[in-house]
Amino acid sequence: MFKSLYARISSIFLALILILGAFQIYLSINSSVNYVCEATQKLNINLAAQIASRCEPFFQDSIHHGRLMETVADFHQLNPHADIFILDENGKIIASSIKNELVQRHKINIRPILRFLSDNAYDQLPILGDDPTHSFQKKIFSATRISMGSMGNGYLYVTLASSRNDLGTNSILNSYILRSASLSILITVLFAAAVGLVLFFFLTKRIQTMTTALRRFTTGEFNRRLPVQSSDELSEMAKAFNFMAETIETNMQQLHTNDRQRRELIANISHDLRSPLSSIQGYLETILMKQKELPAEQQKEFLEITQRNVIHLNRLVNQLFELSKLDSNEVQMHPEPFSLTELVQDIVLKFKPLTNEKNISFDTTIPERIPLVFGDIGMIERVISNLIDNAIKYSPSQGIIFITLQNNQQSVRFMIKDQGPGISQTDLPHIFDRFYMADKSRTKGNHGSGLGLAIAQRILKVHHSELSVESKSGKGTEFAFSLSVHSFSNV
């Protein structure tokens, strides 16, 4: 029964409501009793003085008990709830209007009497004094000083609610006002309990909705989201859950994508490794088996083909190793200021023999006063070399490769554009995926592992930059990136 949050909160709330209701009723009764006691004591504040004035002849030299009781009887007719006691200065009872066997306390504490007889007593009412008919009970009273001749001074002490009819019991509990107040409190408590239970129901219903969503999320429903209806704490929790769910769903999709790309990588790398290895094995076996029959020129040709395949394998393995180090952040950067202009010119000269062989030319646009940039010159050389190598691969004979440097005040932008077949819109969003191979129509006749652009992008991210691309089928491809201008703050 108490396993659900709603049952626990409701039980605690109802218990608190009942306790508060009972406490409120108790306060109401206590306040009513105090009010009646105060009113009764104020109305009878001079009662003891009135009785003393009529009984004064019986207090001289000795107390005439019979005449005193006759006089007291008259007062009992006027106020049957008043019990009269004659006390000495120490509070000892000398005579009383009740039978001796009913007296359980023969000495009264006179401190309340002295408070009652003080000048500011009216503002302190009700003042309770000892009840001689009970061992511990206290009651409201009226008192006055009296002179008993040779017996000295004493007090006339009148309790205003006798033991046979206590003031705070019958008169208060039978009061219409108190019953009305108690009924009002009861109605208020019931209304508050009903409203609270309804509010708790809707509150816990939202929590149950969140619990259900979490439970389904753990079973694989990663598209599960929570509604955000307000700006309270539960809504903030719902926002946090939705953000967490989106992050997890994105990560799961990325894991699936990476797993698919990993399988594609293995297939592509296996193909790229199998082809040159088979070629190397075939040519070497041919040379070994027909060494004496093959002319020297043909043997040289076979060895040159074998060498090219070995170079391709070595390049492929180095790319895989380099990408692995970049992914694991094992590559240590060595940033320094350098001239991007000089670096581009040196790389262009390095590729001149290859472009001359393919009848391709460079068109470089480098304005004067290009500022120094800040980065790892070796890594940036790797990026630019990959981009130029790709441009040469896909440029047609007599094509032009355009290289441009642009000064953007806070950065220098490098741009390279070829006149190749371009990249299809299907492949364009994926060319920087580290395991992605472009469509076969574009890579036909070109050996590549699909790792060059992934390596370049990863290097630029280390430099807080990014490689961008613009391409249309049949209209070439343009790659670009920016490097921060060197300043002393970079050092």
Protein backbone atom coordinates (compact mmCIF):
# COMPACT_ATOMS: atom_id res chain seq x y z
CA MET A 1 0.00 0.00 0.00
CA PHE A 2 2.80 2.43 0.87
CA LYS A 3 5.12 1.43 -1.97
CA SER A 4 3.96 4.22 -4.28
CA LEU A 5 5.14 7.80 -3.77
CA TYR A 6 1.56 9.06 -3.97
CA ALA A 7 0.46 6.78 -1.08
CA ARG A 8 3.39 7.88 1.08
CA ILE A 9 2.96 11.60 0.43
CA SER A 10 -0.82 11.37 0.89
CA SER A 11 -0.48 9.47 4.17
CA ILE A 12 2.01 11.96 5.57
CA PHE A 13 -0.11 14.89 4.38
CA LEU A 14 -3.32 13.47 5.91
CA ALA A 15 -1.53 12.76 9.18
CA LEU A 16 -0.23 16.34 9.30
CA ILE A 17 -3.68 17.70 8.45
CA LEU A 18 -5.29 15.65 11.24
CA ILE A 19 -2.63 16.68 13.74
CA LEU A 20 -3.01 20.35 12.79
CA GLY A 21 -6.81 20.05 12.96
CA ALA A 22 -6.69 18.45 16.40
CA PHE A 23 -4.19 21.06 17.56
CA GLN A 24 -6.42 23.84 16.24
CA ILE A 25 -9.44 22.39 18.05
CA TYR A 26 -7.40 22.10 21.23
CA LEU A 27 -6.29 25.73 20.88
CA SER A 28 -9.88 26.79 20.28
CA ILE A 29 -11.13 24.95 23.38
CA ASN A 30 -8.24 26.24 25.47
CA SER A 31 -8.80 29.79 24.23
CA SER A 32 -12.53 29.51 24.91
CA VAL A 33 -11.90 28.16 28.42
CA ASN A 34 -9.44 30.96 29.10
CA TYR A 35 -11.91 33.52 27.77
CA VAL A 36 -14.77 32.18 29.94
CA CYS A 37 -12.46 31.98 32.96
CA GLU A 38 -11.29 35.53 32.37
CA ALA A 39 -14.84 36.82 31.90
CA THR A 40 -16.13 34.92 34.95
CA GLN A 41 -13.25 36.10 37.13
CA LYS A 42 -13.71 39.69 36.03
CA LEU A 43 -17.45 39.55 36.71
CA ASN A 44 -16.79 38.15 40.17
CA ILE A 45 -13.64 40.10 40.96
CA ASN A 46 -15.35 41.82 43.96
CA LEU A 47 -17.30 38.76 45.13
CA ALA A 48 -14.91 37.99 48.01
CA ALA A 49 -15.01 41.62 49.15
CA GLN A 50 -18.81 41.58 49.14
CA ILE A 51 -18.94 38.38 51.17
CA ALA A 52 -16.34 39.73 53.59
CA SER A 53 -18.34 42.91 54.16
CA ARG A 54 -21.37 40.90 55.21
CA CYS A 55 -19.40 38.40 57.27
CA GLU A 56 -17.10 40.93 58.94
CA PRO A 57 -18.88 40.76 62.40
CA PHE A 58 -18.15 37.04 62.58
CA PHE A 59 -14.38 37.48 62.07
CA GLN A 60 -13.68 39.37 65.29
CA ASP A 61 -11.74 37.57 68.05
CA SER A 62 -13.18 34.18 67.02
CA ILE A 63 -14.95 32.78 64.07
CA HIS A 64 -18.64 32.01 64.68
CA HIS A 65 -18.89 29.07 62.33
CA GLY A 66 -22.67 28.66 62.58
CA ARG A 67 -23.55 32.29 61.83
CA LEU A 68 -20.86 32.34 59.15
CA MET A 69 -22.34 29.32 57.39
CA GLU A 70 -25.80 30.88 57.50
CA THR A 71 -24.45 33.94 55.75
CA VAL A 72 -22.48 31.81 53.31
CA ALA A 73 -25.65 29.84 52.53
CA ASP A 74 -27.25 33.03 51.29
CA PHE A 75 -24.38 33.55 48.88
CA HIS A 76 -24.62 29.94 47.72
CA GLN A 77 -28.14 30.64 46.62
CA LEU A 78 -26.82 33.51 44.52
CA ASN A 79 -23.81 31.60 43.20
CA PRO A 80 -24.03 27.84 43.85
CA HIS A 81 -20.63 27.22 42.18
CA ALA A 82 -18.67 29.32 44.67
CA ASP A 83 -16.86 27.65 47.59
CA ILE A 84 -15.74 29.97 50.42
CA PHE A 85 -12.59 29.49 52.49
CA ILE A 86 -11.12 31.53 55.35
CA LEU A 87 -7.30 31.47 55.34
CA ASP A 88 -4.70 32.77 57.75
CA GLU A 89 -1.75 34.84 56.54
CA ASN A 90 0.16 31.70 55.49
CA GLY A 91 -2.74 30.24 53.51
CA LYS A 92 -3.84 27.66 56.06
CA ILE A 93 -7.59 26.94 55.87
CA ILE A 94 -9.33 27.97 59.10
CA ALA A 95 -12.93 27.50 57.99
CA SER A 96 -14.80 26.67 54.78
CA SER A 97 -18.31 26.45 53.35
CA ILE A 98 -17.92 22.78 52.43
CA LYS A 99 -17.71 19.66 54.53
CA ASN A 100 -14.32 18.85 56.00
CA GLU A 101 -14.16 15.45 54.28
CA LEU A 102 -14.26 17.18 50.90
CA VAL A 103 -11.21 19.26 51.70
CA GLN A 104 -8.11 17.54 50.28
CA ARG A 105 -5.70 20.41 50.61
CA HIS A 106 -5.50 22.28 53.95
CA LYS A 107 -3.05 24.95 52.91
CA ILE A 108 -3.34 27.25 49.92
CA ASN A 109 -0.47 28.85 48.01
CA ILE A 110 -0.92 32.58 48.66
CA ARG A 111 1.18 33.81 45.73
CA PRO A 112 -1.77 33.78 43.25
CA ILE A 113 -3.81 35.57 45.95
CA LEU A 114 -1.19 38.30 46.26
CA ARG A 115 -1.16 38.68 42.45
CA PHE A 116 -4.95 38.93 42.49
CA LEU A 117 -4.82 41.65 45.16
CA SER A 118 -2.12 43.69 43.35
CA ASP A 119 -2.91 46.98 41.61
CA ASN A 120 -2.53 45.62 38.05
CA ALA A 121 -4.36 42.34 38.69
CA TYR A 122 -7.22 43.19 36.32
CA ASP A 123 -4.88 43.15 33.31
CA GLN A 124 -3.43 39.76 34.33
CA LEU A 125 -6.69 37.83 34.55
CA PRO A 126 -7.38 34.96 34.53
CA ILE A 127 -5.31 34.09 37.61
CA LEU A 128 -5.63 30.52 38.82
CA GLY A 129 -5.27 29.45 42.43
CA ASP A 130 -5.23 26.15 44.31
CA ASP A 131 -8.49 24.17 44.55
CA PRO A 132 -8.83 22.85 48.14
CA THR A 133 -11.12 20.09 46.94
CA HIS A 134 -8.43 18.59 44.67
CA SER A 135 -4.81 17.79 45.31
CA PHE A 136 -3.46 19.32 42.04
CA GLN A 137 -6.29 21.13 40.30
CA LYS A 138 -6.35 24.93 39.98
CA LYS A 139 -9.35 27.22 39.55
CA ILE A 140 -10.25 30.86 39.12
CA PHE A 141 -11.09 32.63 42.35
CA SER A 142 -11.91 35.87 44.12
CA ALA A 143 -10.09 36.95 47.26
CA THR A 144 -9.83 39.78 49.73
CA ARG A 145 -7.95 40.58 52.89
CA ILE A 146 -9.82 40.27 56.21
CA SER A 147 -9.05 41.13 59.83
CA MET A 148 -9.83 38.50 62.45
CA GLY A 149 -9.10 40.53 65.58
CA SER A 150 -6.68 38.81 67.94
CA MET A 151 -6.24 36.04 65.38
CA GLY A 152 -4.50 38.48 63.06
CA ASN A 153 -5.10 39.10 59.38
CA GLY A 154 -6.15 36.57 56.83
CA TYR A 155 -7.86 36.11 53.48
CA LEU A 156 -11.34 35.30 52.30
CA TYR A 157 -10.78 32.93 49.36
CA VAL A 158 -13.67 32.05 47.03
CA THR A 159 -13.27 29.47 44.23
CA LEU A 160 -15.61 30.28 41.36
CA ALA A 161 -16.08 26.78 39.90
CA SER A 162 -16.70 23.99 42.35
CA SER A 163 -15.63 20.39 41.92
CA ARG A 164 -19.20 19.40 41.23
CA ASN A 165 -19.48 21.52 38.10
CA ASP A 166 -16.17 22.52 36.53
CA LEU A 167 -16.30 25.66 34.47
CA GLY A 168 -14.17 24.61 31.54
CA THR A 169 -15.97 21.30 30.98
CA ASN A 170 -19.72 21.60 30.71
CA SER A 171 -20.16 25.25 29.77
CA ILE A 172 -17.46 25.27 27.10
CA LEU A 173 -18.06 21.88 25.54
CA ASN A 174 -21.78 22.62 25.32
CA SER A 175 -21.12 26.01 23.74
CA TYR A 176 -22.74 26.66 20.35
CA ILE A 177 -19.84 28.88 19.28
CA LEU A 178 -17.32 26.16 20.08
CA ARG A 179 -19.33 23.56 18.18
CA SER A 180 -19.58 25.90 15.21
CA ALA A 181 -15.87 26.65 15.33
CA SER A 182 -15.04 22.93 15.57
CA LEU A 183 -17.32 22.20 12.62
CA SER A 184 -15.66 24.97 10.59
CA ILE A 185 -12.22 23.59 11.43
CA LEU A 186 -13.34 20.09 10.47
CA ILE A 187 -14.74 21.30 7.14
CA THR A 188 -11.55 23.26 6.47
CA VAL A 189 -9.40 20.23 7.26
CA LEU A 190 -11.46 17.98 4.99
CA PHE A 191 -11.39 20.53 2.16
CA ALA A 192 -7.62 21.01 2.52
CA ALA A 193 -7.12 17.23 2.57
CA ALA A 194 -9.22 16.78 -0.58
CA VAL A 195 -7.44 19.59 -2.44
CA GLY A 196 -4.05 18.29 -1.29
CA LEU A 197 -4.81 14.75 -2.43
CA VAL A 198 -5.90 16.00 -5.86
CA LEU A 199 -2.78 18.17 -6.23
CA PHE A 200 -0.54 15.33 -5.10
CA PHE A 201 -2.25 13.05 -7.60
CA PHE A 202 -1.42 15.34 -10.53
CA LEU A 203 2.08 15.94 -9.16
CA THR A 204 2.87 12.26 -8.78
CA LYS A 205 1.22 11.54 -12.11
CA ARG A 206 3.94 13.62 -13.77
CA ILE A 207 6.54 11.67 -11.82
CA GLN A 208 4.92 8.40 -12.89
CA THR A 209 5.04 9.60 -16.50
CA MET A 210 8.75 10.33 -16.09
CA THR A 211 9.29 6.92 -14.47
CA THR A 212 7.49 5.17 -17.33
CA ALA A 213 9.57 7.08 -19.89
CA LEU A 214 12.79 6.18 -18.08
CA ARG A 215 11.78 2.52 -17.86
CA ARG A 216 10.97 2.38 -21.57
CA PHE A 217 14.15 4.27 -22.37
CA THR A 218 16.19 1.61 -20.59
CA THR A 219 14.50 -1.06 -22.72
CA GLY A 220 15.70 0.56 -25.94
CA GLU A 221 13.07 3.20 -26.80
CA PHE A 222 15.66 5.95 -27.26
CA ASN A 223 13.16 8.25 -29.01
CA ARG A 224 11.13 8.58 -25.79
CA ARG A 225 10.78 12.23 -24.64
CA LEU A 226 9.01 13.98 -21.76
CA PRO A 227 6.59 16.90 -22.19
CA VAL A 228 7.72 20.23 -20.70
CA GLN A 229 4.63 22.09 -19.51
CA SER A 230 5.94 24.66 -17.02
CA SER A 231 9.14 26.00 -15.48
CA ASP A 232 9.14 24.17 -12.16
CA GLU A 233 11.70 21.65 -10.89
CA LEU A 234 9.98 18.69 -12.56
CA SER A 235 10.00 20.50 -15.89
CA GLU A 236 13.70 21.22 -15.43
CA MET A 237 14.19 17.52 -14.74
CA ALA A 238 12.21 16.72 -17.89
CA LYS A 239 14.43 19.08 -19.90
CA ALA A 240 17.53 17.41 -18.47
CA PHE A 241 16.11 13.98 -19.35
CA ASN A 242 15.29 15.08 -22.90
CA PHE A 243 18.77 16.51 -23.33
CA MET A 244 20.29 13.31 -21.95
CA ALA A 245 18.07 11.19 -24.21
CA GLU A 246 19.01 13.22 -27.29
CA THR A 247 22.69 12.93 -26.40
CA ILE A 248 22.45 9.18 -25.86
CA GLU A 249 20.41 8.73 -29.04
CA THR A 250 22.96 10.77 -31.00
CA ASN A 251 25.80 8.75 -29.50
CA MET A 252 24.03 5.50 -30.31
CA GLN A 253 23.50 6.62 -33.89
CA GLN A 254 27.13 7.65 -34.05
CA LEU A 255 28.16 4.24 -32.70
CA HIS A 256 26.06 2.52 -35.35
CA THR A 257 27.54 4.82 -37.99
CA ASN A 258 31.06 4.17 -36.74
CA ASP A 259 30.41 0.45 -36.69
CA ARG A 260 29.13 0.57 -40.27
CA GLN A 261 32.08 2.70 -41.33
CA ARG A 262 34.45 0.36 -39.51
CA ARG A 263 33.11 -2.57 -41.49
CA GLU A 264 33.39 -0.55 -44.70
CA LEU A 265 36.94 0.42 -43.73
CA ILE A 266 37.90 -3.19 -43.14
CA ALA A 267 36.39 -4.14 -46.49
CA ASN A 268 38.09 -1.25 -48.32
CA ILE A 269 41.43 -1.69 -46.59
CA SER A 270 41.28 -5.44 -47.20
CA HIS A 271 40.66 -4.74 -50.87
CA ASP A 272 43.43 -2.11 -51.02
CA LEU A 273 45.85 -4.45 -49.26
CA ARG A 274 44.85 -7.55 -51.21
CA SER A 275 45.32 -6.00 -54.66
CA PRO A 276 48.91 -4.71 -54.24
CA LEU A 277 49.92 -7.76 -52.21
CA SER A 278 48.58 -10.07 -54.90
CA SER A 279 50.35 -8.00 -57.52
CA ILE A 280 53.62 -8.03 -55.59
CA GLN A 281 53.36 -11.77 -54.99
CA GLY A 282 52.54 -12.47 -58.65
CA TYR A 283 55.38 -10.40 -60.10
CA LEU A 284 57.94 -11.71 -57.59
CA GLU A 285 56.93 -15.32 -58.29
CA THR A 286 57.18 -14.64 -62.03
CA ILE A 287 60.65 -13.16 -61.62
CA LEU A 288 61.82 -16.05 -59.43
CA MET A 289 60.37 -18.75 -61.67
CA LYS A 290 61.39 -17.22 -65.03
CA GLN A 291 64.46 -15.28 -64.01
CA LYS A 292 66.61 -16.79 -66.80
CA GLU A 293 63.92 -16.52 -69.47
CA LEU A 294 62.80 -12.92 -68.79
CA PRO A 295 64.69 -10.15 -70.51
CA ALA A 296 66.36 -7.60 -68.23
CA GLU A 297 64.02 -4.84 -69.36
CA GLN A 298 60.93 -6.88 -68.45
CA GLN A 299 62.42 -7.83 -65.08
CA LYS A 300 63.06 -4.12 -64.42
CA GLU A 301 59.45 -3.32 -65.35
CA PHE A 302 58.12 -6.01 -62.98
CA LEU A 303 60.35 -4.72 -60.16
CA GLU A 304 59.21 -1.13 -60.75
CA ILE A 305 55.56 -2.25 -60.54
CA THR A 306 56.36 -4.14 -57.36
CA GLN A 307 58.08 -1.07 -55.92
CA ARG A 308 55.05 1.13 -56.65
CA ASN A 309 52.78 -1.35 -54.90
CA VAL A 310 55.12 -1.46 -51.89
CA ILE A 311 55.11 2.36 -51.75
CA HIS A 312 51.31 2.35 -51.91
CA LEU A 313 51.13 -0.23 -49.09
CA ASN A 314 53.59 1.75 -46.99
CA ARG A 315 51.58 4.92 -47.52
CA LEU A 316 48.35 3.17 -46.57
CA VAL A 317 49.83 1.74 -43.37
CA ASN A 318 51.30 5.14 -42.43
CA GLN A 319 47.90 6.79 -42.92
CA LEU A 320 46.23 4.24 -40.67
CA PHE A 321 48.90 4.70 -38.03
CA GLU A 322 48.69 8.50 -38.25
CA LEU A 323 44.89 8.50 -37.97
CA SER A 324 45.08 6.14 -34.99
CA LYS A 325 47.47 8.50 -33.19
CA LEU A 326 45.27 11.52 -33.93
CA ASP A 327 42.17 9.73 -32.61
CA SER A 328 43.92 8.77 -29.38
CA ASN A 329 45.46 12.27 -28.95
CA GLU A 330 48.93 10.80 -28.94
CA VAL A 331 50.26 13.34 -31.43
CA GLN A 332 52.16 16.12 -29.70
CA MET A 333 51.82 19.52 -31.32
CA HIS A 334 54.81 21.82 -31.65
CA PRO A 335 53.20 25.16 -32.54
CA GLU A 336 55.34 28.01 -33.78
CA PRO A 337 54.96 31.08 -35.96
CA PHE A 338 55.69 30.41 -39.65
CA SER A 339 55.03 31.82 -43.07
CA LEU A 340 52.17 30.07 -44.79
CA THR A 341 53.25 31.74 -48.06
CA GLU A 342 56.67 30.08 -47.99
CA LEU A 343 55.18 26.73 -46.95
CA VAL A 344 52.70 26.75 -49.85
CA GLN A 345 55.41 27.69 -52.33
CA ASP A 346 57.69 24.89 -51.11
CA ILE A 347 54.90 22.29 -51.34
CA VAL A 348 53.94 23.47 -54.83
CA LEU A 349 57.57 23.07 -55.96
CA LYS A 350 57.62 19.56 -54.44
CA PHE A 351 54.62 18.53 -56.58
CA LYS A 352 55.95 20.18 -59.80
CA PRO A 353 57.38 16.95 -61.25
CA LEU A 354 54.07 15.15 -60.76
CA THR A 355 52.02 17.98 -62.29
CA ASN A 356 54.41 18.22 -65.24
CA GLU A 357 54.02 14.47 -65.78
CA LYS A 358 50.20 14.80 -65.85
CA ASN A 359 50.31 18.09 -67.80
CA ILE A 360 48.66 20.01 -64.95
CA SER A 361 49.57 23.57 -63.91
CA PHE A 362 49.24 25.62 -60.73
CA ASP A 363 47.68 29.09 -60.53
CA THR A 364 48.68 30.63 -57.20
CA THR A 365 47.29 33.90 -55.90
CA ILE A 366 49.26 35.13 -52.89
CA PRO A 367 48.93 38.80 -51.93
CA GLU A 368 51.80 40.72 -50.42
CA ARG A 369 52.27 41.06 -46.67
CA ILE A 370 50.57 37.88 -45.62
CA PRO A 371 51.17 37.77 -41.83
CA LEU A 372 52.74 34.85 -40.02
CA VAL A 373 50.38 32.17 -38.75
CA PHE A 374 50.67 30.07 -35.60
CA GLY A 375 50.59 26.27 -35.68
CA ASP A 376 52.50 23.04 -36.15
CA ILE A 377 54.24 23.51 -39.49
CA GLY A 378 54.69 19.76 -40.00
CA MET A 379 50.99 19.04 -39.50
CA ILE A 380 49.89 21.91 -41.74
CA GLU A 381 52.29 20.70 -44.43
CA ARG A 382 50.57 17.30 -44.19
CA VAL A 383 47.14 18.94 -44.68
CA ILE A 384 48.18 21.03 -47.68
CA SER A 385 50.03 18.09 -49.26
CA ASN A 386 46.93 15.89 -48.93
CA LEU A 387 44.75 18.58 -50.54
CA ILE A 388 47.17 19.18 -53.42
CA ASP A 389 47.64 15.44 -53.93
CA ASN A 390 43.84 14.98 -54.14
CA ALA A 391 43.55 17.90 -56.57
CA ILE A 392 46.23 16.36 -58.83
CA LYS A 393 44.53 12.95 -58.74
CA TYR A 394 41.18 14.25 -59.89
CA SER A 395 42.33 17.01 -62.28
CA PRO A 396 42.12 16.23 -66.02
CA SER A 397 45.07 16.62 -68.36
CA GLN A 398 45.84 20.29 -69.03
CA GLY A 399 43.78 21.16 -65.97
CA ILE A 400 44.57 24.02 -63.61
CA ILE A 401 44.79 23.86 -59.81
CA PHE A 402 43.98 27.24 -58.23
CA ILE A 403 45.66 28.02 -54.88
CA THR A 404 44.75 31.24 -53.07
CA LEU A 405 45.83 32.82 -49.79
CA GLN A 406 43.57 35.47 -48.25
CA ASN A 407 44.40 37.85 -45.41
CA ASN A 408 41.40 38.16 -43.07
CA GLN A 409 43.14 40.32 -40.42
CA GLN A 410 42.80 37.83 -37.55
CA SER A 411 43.41 34.77 -39.74
CA VAL A 412 44.85 33.65 -43.06
CA ARG A 413 42.63 31.54 -45.31
CA PHE A 414 43.99 28.85 -47.63
CA MET A 415 41.86 27.81 -50.64
CA ILE A 416 42.52 25.19 -53.31
CA LYS A 417 40.26 24.43 -56.28
CA ASP A 418 40.58 21.82 -59.02
CA GLN A 419 38.80 21.30 -62.33
CA GLY A 420 37.98 17.65 -61.69
CA PRO A 421 34.65 15.81 -61.86
CA GLY A 422 33.53 17.20 -58.53
CA ILE A 423 31.81 15.39 -55.69
CA SER A 424 28.19 14.26 -55.81
CA GLN A 425 25.72 15.73 -53.34
CA THR A 426 25.24 12.24 -51.89
CA ASP A 427 28.93 11.90 -51.01
CA LEU A 428 29.58 15.52 -50.04
CA PRO A 429 28.31 15.32 -46.40
CA HIS A 430 30.46 12.24 -45.76
CA ILE A 431 33.84 12.97 -47.34
CA PHE A 432 35.36 13.89 -43.95
CA ASP A 433 34.16 10.68 -42.30
CA ARG A 434 37.32 8.87 -41.44
CA PHE A 435 36.09 5.56 -42.86
CA TYR A 436 34.17 6.84 -45.88
CA MET A 437 35.00 6.02 -49.48
CA ALA A 438 33.53 8.18 -52.22
CA ASP A 439 31.54 6.66 -55.04
CA LYS A 440 33.48 4.45 -57.42
CA SER A 441 32.82 6.69 -60.42
CA ARG A 442 34.91 9.46 -58.88
CA THR A 443 37.68 7.22 -57.53
CA LYS A 444 37.90 5.06 -60.61
CA GLY A 445 41.52 4.75 -61.64
CA ASN A 446 42.72 6.50 -58.48
CA HIS A 447 44.16 4.59 -55.57
CA GLY A 448 43.04 5.90 -52.21
CA SER A 449 41.96 4.66 -48.81
CA GLY A 450 39.55 7.46 -47.95
CA LEU A 451 41.77 8.50 -45.02
CA GLY A 452 43.52 11.61 -46.38
CA LEU A 453 40.66 14.06 -45.81
CA ALA A 454 39.83 12.51 -42.43
CA ILE A 455 43.46 13.04 -41.34
CA ALA A 456 43.47 16.62 -42.65
CA GLN A 457 40.22 17.46 -40.83
CA ARG A 458 41.49 15.93 -37.58
CA ILE A 459 44.73 17.94 -37.78
CA LEU A 460 42.83 21.18 -38.35
CA LYS A 461 40.56 20.50 -35.38
CA VAL A 462 43.68 20.28 -33.24
CA HIS A 463 44.46 23.78 -34.57
CA HIS A 464 40.92 24.96 -33.70
CA SER A 465 40.07 25.22 -37.38
CA GLU A 466 37.94 23.26 -39.83
CA LEU A 467 38.22 22.10 -43.43
CA SER A 468 35.30 23.26 -45.57
CA VAL A 469 34.33 22.07 -49.04
CA GLU A 470 32.26 23.32 -51.96
CA SER A 471 31.68 21.12 -54.96
CA LYS A 472 29.30 20.46 -57.84
CA SER A 473 29.40 17.48 -60.13
CA GLY A 474 31.36 18.32 -63.26
CA LYS A 475 32.51 21.72 -61.95
CA GLY A 476 35.42 20.83 -59.70
CA THR A 477 35.92 20.97 -55.95
CA GLU A 478 37.19 23.69 -53.62
CA PHE A 479 38.64 23.06 -50.15
CA ALA A 480 39.49 25.81 -47.64
CA PHE A 481 40.65 26.33 -44.06
CA SER A 482 41.89 29.21 -41.89
CA LEU A 483 44.78 29.57 -39.45
CA SER A 484 45.07 32.18 -36.71
CA VAL A 485 47.50 35.03 -37.26
CA HIS A 486 50.53 34.89 -34.99
CA SER A 487 50.60 37.22 -32.01
CA PHE A 488 52.52 37.23 -28.73
CA SER A 489 49.39 35.90 -26.99
CA ASN A 490 49.80 32.65 -28.96
CA VAL A 491 53.23 31.97 -27.52
